[in-house]
Amino acid sequence: MYALFEGERQIGDPFATEKEVWEAALIEGLVTDVPVADEEGGRLVPAGYHVRPVHKGARPRRG
């Protein structure tokens, strides 16, 4: 399971894949663009946002 984080705060529900997390974040308006591979093989992500693994059943922390 993966979830979207802004800094250390989880801001999205967990999904099975990173792709699903970014798609949901885009639909919800949490981000305005999704990560893409750059010419050097790295990733460009919206400032402050990242996706990381979470435990199954994890819920976003409010506040």
PDB file of N, CA and C in Angstrom:
ATOM      1  N   MET A   1       0.846  -1.181   0.000  1.00  0.00           N
ATOM      2  CA  MET A   1       0.000   0.000   0.000  1.00  0.00           C
ATOM      3  C   MET A   1       0.891   1.245   0.000  1.00  0.00           C
ATOM      4  N   TYR A   2       0.389   2.278  -0.688  1.00  0.00           N
ATOM      5  CA  TYR A   2       1.110   3.540  -0.802  1.00  0.00           C
ATOM      6  C   TYR A   2       0.151   4.688  -0.531  1.00  0.00           C
ATOM      7  N   ALA A   3       0.687   5.811  -0.030  1.00  0.00           N
ATOM      8  CA  ALA A   3      -0.135   6.984   0.226  1.00  0.00           C
ATOM      9  C   ALA A   3       0.654   8.240  -0.114  1.00  0.00           C
ATOM     10  N   LEU A   4      -0.078   9.323  -0.339  1.00  0.00           N
ATOM     11  CA  LEU A   4       0.519  10.622  -0.632  1.00  0.00           C
ATOM     12  C   LEU A   4       0.816  11.351   0.671  1.00  0.00           C
ATOM     13  N   PHE A   5       1.971  11.964   0.738  1.00  0.00           N
ATOM     14  CA  PHE A   5       2.385  12.736   1.908  1.00  0.00           C
ATOM     15  C   PHE A   5       2.803  14.128   1.479  1.00  0.00           C
ATOM     16  N   GLU A   6       2.515  15.098   2.337  1.00  0.00           N
ATOM     17  CA  GLU A   6       3.063  16.444   2.208  1.00  0.00           C
ATOM     18  C   GLU A   6       3.965  16.605   3.420  1.00  0.00           C
ATOM     19  N   GLY A   7       5.262  16.626   3.179  1.00  0.00           N
ATOM     20  CA  GLY A   7       6.208  16.566   4.286  1.00  0.00           C
ATOM     21  C   GLY A   7       6.068  15.225   4.974  1.00  0.00           C
ATOM     22  N   GLU A   8       5.776  15.226   6.270  1.00  0.00           N
ATOM     23  CA  GLU A   8       5.594  13.988   7.027  1.00  0.00           C
ATOM     24  C   GLU A   8       4.132  13.648   7.254  1.00  0.00           C
ATOM     25  N   ARG A   9       3.221  14.470   6.757  1.00  0.00           N
ATOM     26  CA  ARG A   9       1.787  14.291   7.007  1.00  0.00           C
ATOM     27  C   ARG A   9       1.124  13.557   5.846  1.00  0.00           C
ATOM     28  N   GLN A  10       0.493  12.430   6.141  1.00  0.00           N
ATOM     29  CA  GLN A  10      -0.243  11.688   5.122  1.00  0.00           C
ATOM     30  C   GLN A  10      -1.499  12.466   4.781  1.00  0.00           C
ATOM     31  N   ILE A  11      -1.708  12.759   3.497  1.00  0.00           N
ATOM     32  CA  ILE A  11      -2.863  13.565   3.114  1.00  0.00           C
ATOM     33  C   ILE A  11      -3.829  12.827   2.199  1.00  0.00           C
ATOM     34  N   GLY A  12      -3.516  11.599   1.864  1.00  0.00           N
ATOM     35  CA  GLY A  12      -4.420  10.845   1.006  1.00  0.00           C
ATOM     36  C   GLY A  12      -4.646   9.444   1.526  1.00  0.00           C
ATOM     37  N   ASP A  13      -5.710   8.846   1.031  1.00  0.00           N
ATOM     38  CA  ASP A  13      -5.994   7.454   1.388  1.00  0.00           C
ATOM     39  C   ASP A  13      -4.964   6.542   0.737  1.00  0.00           C
ATOM     40  N   PRO A  14      -4.711   5.391   1.324  1.00  0.00           N
ATOM     41  CA  PRO A  14      -3.760   4.442   0.744  1.00  0.00           C
ATOM     42  C   PRO A  14      -4.343   3.710  -0.465  1.00  0.00           C
ATOM     43  N   PHE A  15      -3.476   3.396  -1.419  1.00  0.00           N
ATOM     44  CA  PHE A  15      -3.828   2.649  -2.619  1.00  0.00           C
ATOM     45  C   PHE A  15      -2.802   1.553  -2.838  1.00  0.00           C
ATOM     46  N   ALA A  16      -3.141   0.609  -3.696  1.00  0.00           N
ATOM     47  CA  ALA A  16      -2.271  -0.542  -3.944  1.00  0.00           C
ATOM     48  C   ALA A  16      -0.982  -0.174  -4.669  1.00  0.00           C
ATOM     49  N   THR A  17      -1.026   0.854  -5.542  1.00  0.00           N
ATOM     50  CA  THR A  17       0.168   1.226  -6.310  1.00  0.00           C
ATOM     51  C   THR A  17       0.427   2.724  -6.209  1.00  0.00           C
ATOM     52  N   GLU A  18       1.666   3.120  -6.477  1.00  0.00           N
ATOM     53  CA  GLU A  18       2.013   4.535  -6.506  1.00  0.00           C
ATOM     54  C   GLU A  18       1.224   5.257  -7.593  1.00  0.00           C
ATOM     55  N   LYS A  19       1.050   4.603  -8.727  1.00  0.00           N
ATOM     56  CA  LYS A  19       0.305   5.209  -9.833  1.00  0.00           C
ATOM     57  C   LYS A  19      -1.108   5.567  -9.403  1.00  0.00           C
ATOM     58  N   GLU A  20      -1.771   4.675  -8.683  1.00  0.00           N
ATOM     59  CA  GLU A  20      -3.132   4.941  -8.206  1.00  0.00           C
ATOM     60  C   GLU A  20      -3.160   6.120  -7.236  1.00  0.00           C
ATOM     61  N   VAL A  21      -2.131   6.257  -6.406  1.00  0.00           N
ATOM     62  CA  VAL A  21      -2.056   7.382  -5.464  1.00  0.00           C
ATOM     63  C   VAL A  21      -1.997   8.689  -6.234  1.00  0.00           C
ATOM     64  N   TRP A  22      -1.108   8.776  -7.232  1.00  0.00           N
ATOM     65  CA  TRP A  22      -0.966  10.011  -8.003  1.00  0.00           C
ATOM     66  C   TRP A  22      -2.223  10.324  -8.800  1.00  0.00           C
ATOM     67  N   GLU A  23      -2.854   9.303  -9.364  1.00  0.00           N
ATOM     68  CA  GLU A  23      -4.092   9.522 -10.126  1.00  0.00           C
ATOM     69  C   GLU A  23      -5.195  10.073  -9.216  1.00  0.00           C
ATOM     70  N   ALA A  24      -5.355   9.500  -8.032  1.00  0.00           N
ATOM     71  CA  ALA A  24      -6.367   9.971  -7.083  1.00  0.00           C
ATOM     72  C   ALA A  24      -6.067  11.394  -6.627  1.00  0.00           C
ATOM     73  N   ALA A  25      -4.810  11.689  -6.360  1.00  0.00           N
ATOM     74  CA  ALA A  25      -4.419  13.035  -5.931  1.00  0.00           C
ATOM     75  C   ALA A  25      -4.715  14.059  -7.014  1.00  0.00           C
ATOM     76  N   LEU A  26      -4.504  13.696  -8.254  1.00  0.00           N
ATOM     77  CA  LEU A  26      -4.795  14.588  -9.371  1.00  0.00           C
ATOM     78  C   LEU A  26      -6.298  14.830  -9.479  1.00  0.00           C
ATOM     79  N   ILE A  27      -7.091  13.777  -9.390  1.00  0.00           N
ATOM     80  CA  ILE A  27      -8.549  13.888  -9.463  1.00  0.00           C
ATOM     81  C   ILE A  27      -9.096  14.732  -8.315  1.00  0.00           C
ATOM     82  N   GLU A  28      -8.538  14.547  -7.115  1.00  0.00           N
ATOM     83  CA  GLU A  28      -8.992  15.278  -5.928  1.00  0.00           C
ATOM     84  C   GLU A  28      -8.503  16.722  -5.891  1.00  0.00           C
ATOM     85  N   GLY A  29      -7.598  17.081  -6.792  1.00  0.00           N
ATOM     86  CA  GLY A  29      -7.067  18.435  -6.813  1.00  0.00           C
ATOM     87  C   GLY A  29      -5.969  18.679  -5.795  1.00  0.00           C
ATOM     88  N   LEU A  30      -5.425  17.601  -5.220  1.00  0.00           N
ATOM     89  CA  LEU A  30      -4.349  17.752  -4.240  1.00  0.00           C
ATOM     90  C   LEU A  30      -3.033  18.122  -4.905  1.00  0.00           C
ATOM     91  N   VAL A  31      -2.854  17.721  -6.144  1.00  0.00           N
ATOM     92  CA  VAL A  31      -1.676  18.089  -6.927  1.00  0.00           C
ATOM     93  C   VAL A  31      -2.163  18.538  -8.299  1.00  0.00           C
ATOM     94  N   THR A  32      -1.353  19.334  -8.980  1.00  0.00           N
ATOM     95  CA  THR A  32      -1.743  19.826 -10.296  1.00  0.00           C
ATOM     96  C   THR A  32      -1.013  19.109 -11.412  1.00  0.00           C
ATOM     97  N   ASP A  33      -0.073  18.247 -11.062  1.00  0.00           N
ATOM     98  CA  ASP A  33       0.675  17.490 -12.050  1.00  0.00           C
ATOM     99  C   ASP A  33       1.137  16.200 -11.389  1.00  0.00           C
ATOM    100  N   VAL A  34       1.418  15.196 -12.205  1.00  0.00           N
ATOM    101  CA  VAL A  34       1.910  13.927 -11.679  1.00  0.00           C
ATOM    102  C   VAL A  34       3.386  13.796 -11.981  1.00  0.00           C
ATOM    103  N   PRO A  35       4.109  12.990 -11.216  1.00  0.00           N
ATOM    104  CA  PRO A  35       5.541  12.829 -11.447  1.00  0.00           C
ATOM    105  C   PRO A  35       5.813  12.213 -12.815  1.00  0.00           C
ATOM    106  N   VAL A  36       6.911  12.656 -13.420  1.00  0.00           N
ATOM    107  CA  VAL A  36       7.363  12.082 -14.689  1.00  0.00           C
ATOM    108  C   VAL A  36       8.859  11.843 -14.607  1.00  0.00           C
ATOM    109  N   ALA A  37       9.340  10.917 -15.401  1.00  0.00           N
ATOM    110  CA  ALA A  37      10.784  10.661 -15.441  1.00  0.00           C
ATOM    111  C   ALA A  37      11.458  11.786 -16.214  1.00  0.00           C
ATOM    112  N   ASP A  38      12.571  12.278 -15.699  1.00  0.00           N
ATOM    113  CA  ASP A  38      13.301  13.298 -16.440  1.00  0.00           C
ATOM    114  C   ASP A  38      14.363  12.626 -17.301  1.00  0.00           C
ATOM    115  N   GLU A  39      15.148  13.405 -18.017  1.00  0.00           N
ATOM    116  CA  GLU A  39      16.119  12.854 -18.948  1.00  0.00           C
ATOM    117  C   GLU A  39      17.207  12.051 -18.272  1.00  0.00           C
ATOM    118  N   GLU A  40      17.473  12.301 -16.986  1.00  0.00           N
ATOM    119  CA  GLU A  40      18.533  11.593 -16.270  1.00  0.00           C
ATOM    120  C   GLU A  40      17.991  10.387 -15.509  1.00  0.00           C
ATOM    121  N   GLY A  41      16.728  10.064 -15.696  1.00  0.00           N
ATOM    122  CA  GLY A  41      16.153   8.901 -15.032  1.00  0.00           C
ATOM    123  C   GLY A  41      15.587   9.165 -13.657  1.00  0.00           C
ATOM    124  N   GLY A  42      15.669  10.413 -13.171  1.00  0.00           N
ATOM    125  CA  GLY A  42      15.093  10.752 -11.878  1.00  0.00           C
ATOM    126  C   GLY A  42      13.611  11.029 -12.018  1.00  0.00           C
ATOM    127  N   ARG A  43      13.016  11.582 -10.952  1.00  0.00           N
ATOM    128  CA  ARG A  43      11.589  11.906 -11.011  1.00  0.00           C
ATOM    129  C   ARG A  43      11.385  13.344 -10.598  1.00  0.00           C
ATOM    130  N   LEU A  44      10.438  13.974 -11.257  1.00  0.00           N
ATOM    131  CA  LEU A  44      10.035  15.320 -10.887  1.00  0.00           C
ATOM    132  C   LEU A  44       8.686  15.217 -10.205  1.00  0.00           C
ATOM    133  N   VAL A  45       8.581  15.722  -8.993  1.00  0.00           N
ATOM    134  CA  VAL A  45       7.328  15.646  -8.246  1.00  0.00           C
ATOM    135  C   VAL A  45       6.920  17.039  -7.808  1.00  0.00           C
ATOM    136  N   PRO A  46       5.633  17.274  -7.579  1.00  0.00           N
ATOM    137  CA  PRO A  46       5.218  18.575  -7.061  1.00  0.00           C
ATOM    138  C   PRO A  46       5.940  18.873  -5.750  1.00  0.00           C
ATOM    139  N   ALA A  47       6.352  20.103  -5.567  1.00  0.00           N
ATOM    140  CA  ALA A  47       7.110  20.503  -4.380  1.00  0.00           C
ATOM    141  C   ALA A  47       6.391  20.112  -3.103  1.00  0.00           C
ATOM    142  N   GLY A  48       7.112  19.440  -2.213  1.00  0.00           N
ATOM    143  CA  GLY A  48       6.585  19.069  -0.903  1.00  0.00           C
ATOM    144  C   GLY A  48       5.812  17.769  -0.860  1.00  0.00           C
ATOM    145  N   TYR A  49       5.466  17.215  -2.009  1.00  0.00           N
ATOM    146  CA  TYR A  49       4.678  15.984  -2.054  1.00  0.00           C
ATOM    147  C   TYR A  49       5.547  14.782  -2.386  1.00  0.00           C
ATOM    148  N   HIS A  50       5.202  13.653  -1.807  1.00  0.00           N
ATOM    149  CA  HIS A  50       5.865  12.406  -2.158  1.00  0.00           C
ATOM    150  C   HIS A  50       4.947  11.238  -1.797  1.00  0.00           C
ATOM    151  N   VAL A  51       5.204  10.118  -2.417  1.00  0.00           N
ATOM    152  CA  VAL A  51       4.453   8.901  -2.139  1.00  0.00           C
ATOM    153  C   VAL A  51       5.399   7.941  -1.444  1.00  0.00           C
ATOM    154  N   ARG A  52       4.882   7.272  -0.416  1.00  0.00           N
ATOM    155  CA  ARG A  52       5.707   6.265   0.251  1.00  0.00           C
ATOM    156  C   ARG A  52       4.821   5.133   0.737  1.00  0.00           C
ATOM    157  N   PRO A  53       5.437   3.996   1.006  1.00  0.00           N
ATOM    158  CA  PRO A  53       4.664   2.841   1.483  1.00  0.00           C
ATOM    159  C   PRO A  53       4.050   3.110   2.858  1.00  0.00           C
ATOM    160  N   VAL A  54       2.870   2.556   3.073  1.00  0.00           N
ATOM    161  CA  VAL A  54       2.203   2.625   4.377  1.00  0.00           C
ATOM    162  C   VAL A  54       1.684   1.236   4.710  1.00  0.00           C
ATOM    163  N   HIS A  55       1.361   1.027   5.973  1.00  0.00           N
ATOM    164  CA  HIS A  55       0.812  -0.259   6.396  1.00  0.00           C
ATOM    165  C   HIS A  55      -0.619  -0.379   5.912  1.00  0.00           C
ATOM    166  N   LYS A  56      -1.020  -1.588   5.601  1.00  0.00           N
ATOM    167  CA  LYS A  56      -2.392  -1.838   5.163  1.00  0.00           C
ATOM    168  C   LYS A  56      -3.359  -1.342   6.235  1.00  0.00           C
ATOM    169  N   GLY A  57      -4.414  -0.652   5.810  1.00  0.00           N
ATOM    170  CA  GLY A  57      -5.397  -0.118   6.744  1.00  0.00           C
ATOM    171  C   GLY A  57      -5.051   1.254   7.279  1.00  0.00           C
ATOM    172  N   ALA A  58      -3.948   1.855   6.801  1.00  0.00           N
ATOM    173  CA  ALA A  58      -3.544   3.183   7.275  1.00  0.00           C
ATOM    174  C   ALA A  58      -4.573   4.223   6.845  1.00  0.00           C
ATOM    175  N   ARG A  59      -4.781   5.200   7.679  1.00  0.00           N
ATOM    176  CA  ARG A  59      -5.716   6.283   7.395  1.00  0.00           C
ATOM    177  C   ARG A  59      -4.955   7.602   7.454  1.00  0.00           C
ATOM    178  N   PRO A  60      -5.378   8.603   6.679  1.00  0.00           N
ATOM    179  CA  PRO A  60      -4.703   9.900   6.761  1.00  0.00           C
ATOM    180  C   PRO A  60      -4.857  10.505   8.141  1.00  0.00           C
ATOM    181  N   ARG A  61      -3.808  11.162   8.613  1.00  0.00           N
ATOM    182  CA  ARG A  61      -3.876  11.874   9.880  1.00  0.00           C
ATOM    183  C   ARG A  61      -4.496  13.240   9.619  1.00  0.00           C
ATOM    184  N   ARG A  62      -5.471  13.605  10.395  1.00  0.00           N
ATOM    185  CA  ARG A  62      -6.149  14.888  10.222  1.00  0.00           C
ATOM    186  C   ARG A  62      -5.492  15.930  11.110  1.00  0.00           C
ATOM    187  N   GLY A  63      -5.512  17.187  10.603  1.00  0.00           N
ATOM    188  CA  GLY A  63      -4.998  18.282  11.415  1.00  0.00           C
ATOM    189  C   GLY A  63      -3.595  18.458  11.208  1.00  0.00           C
TER     190      GLY A  63
END
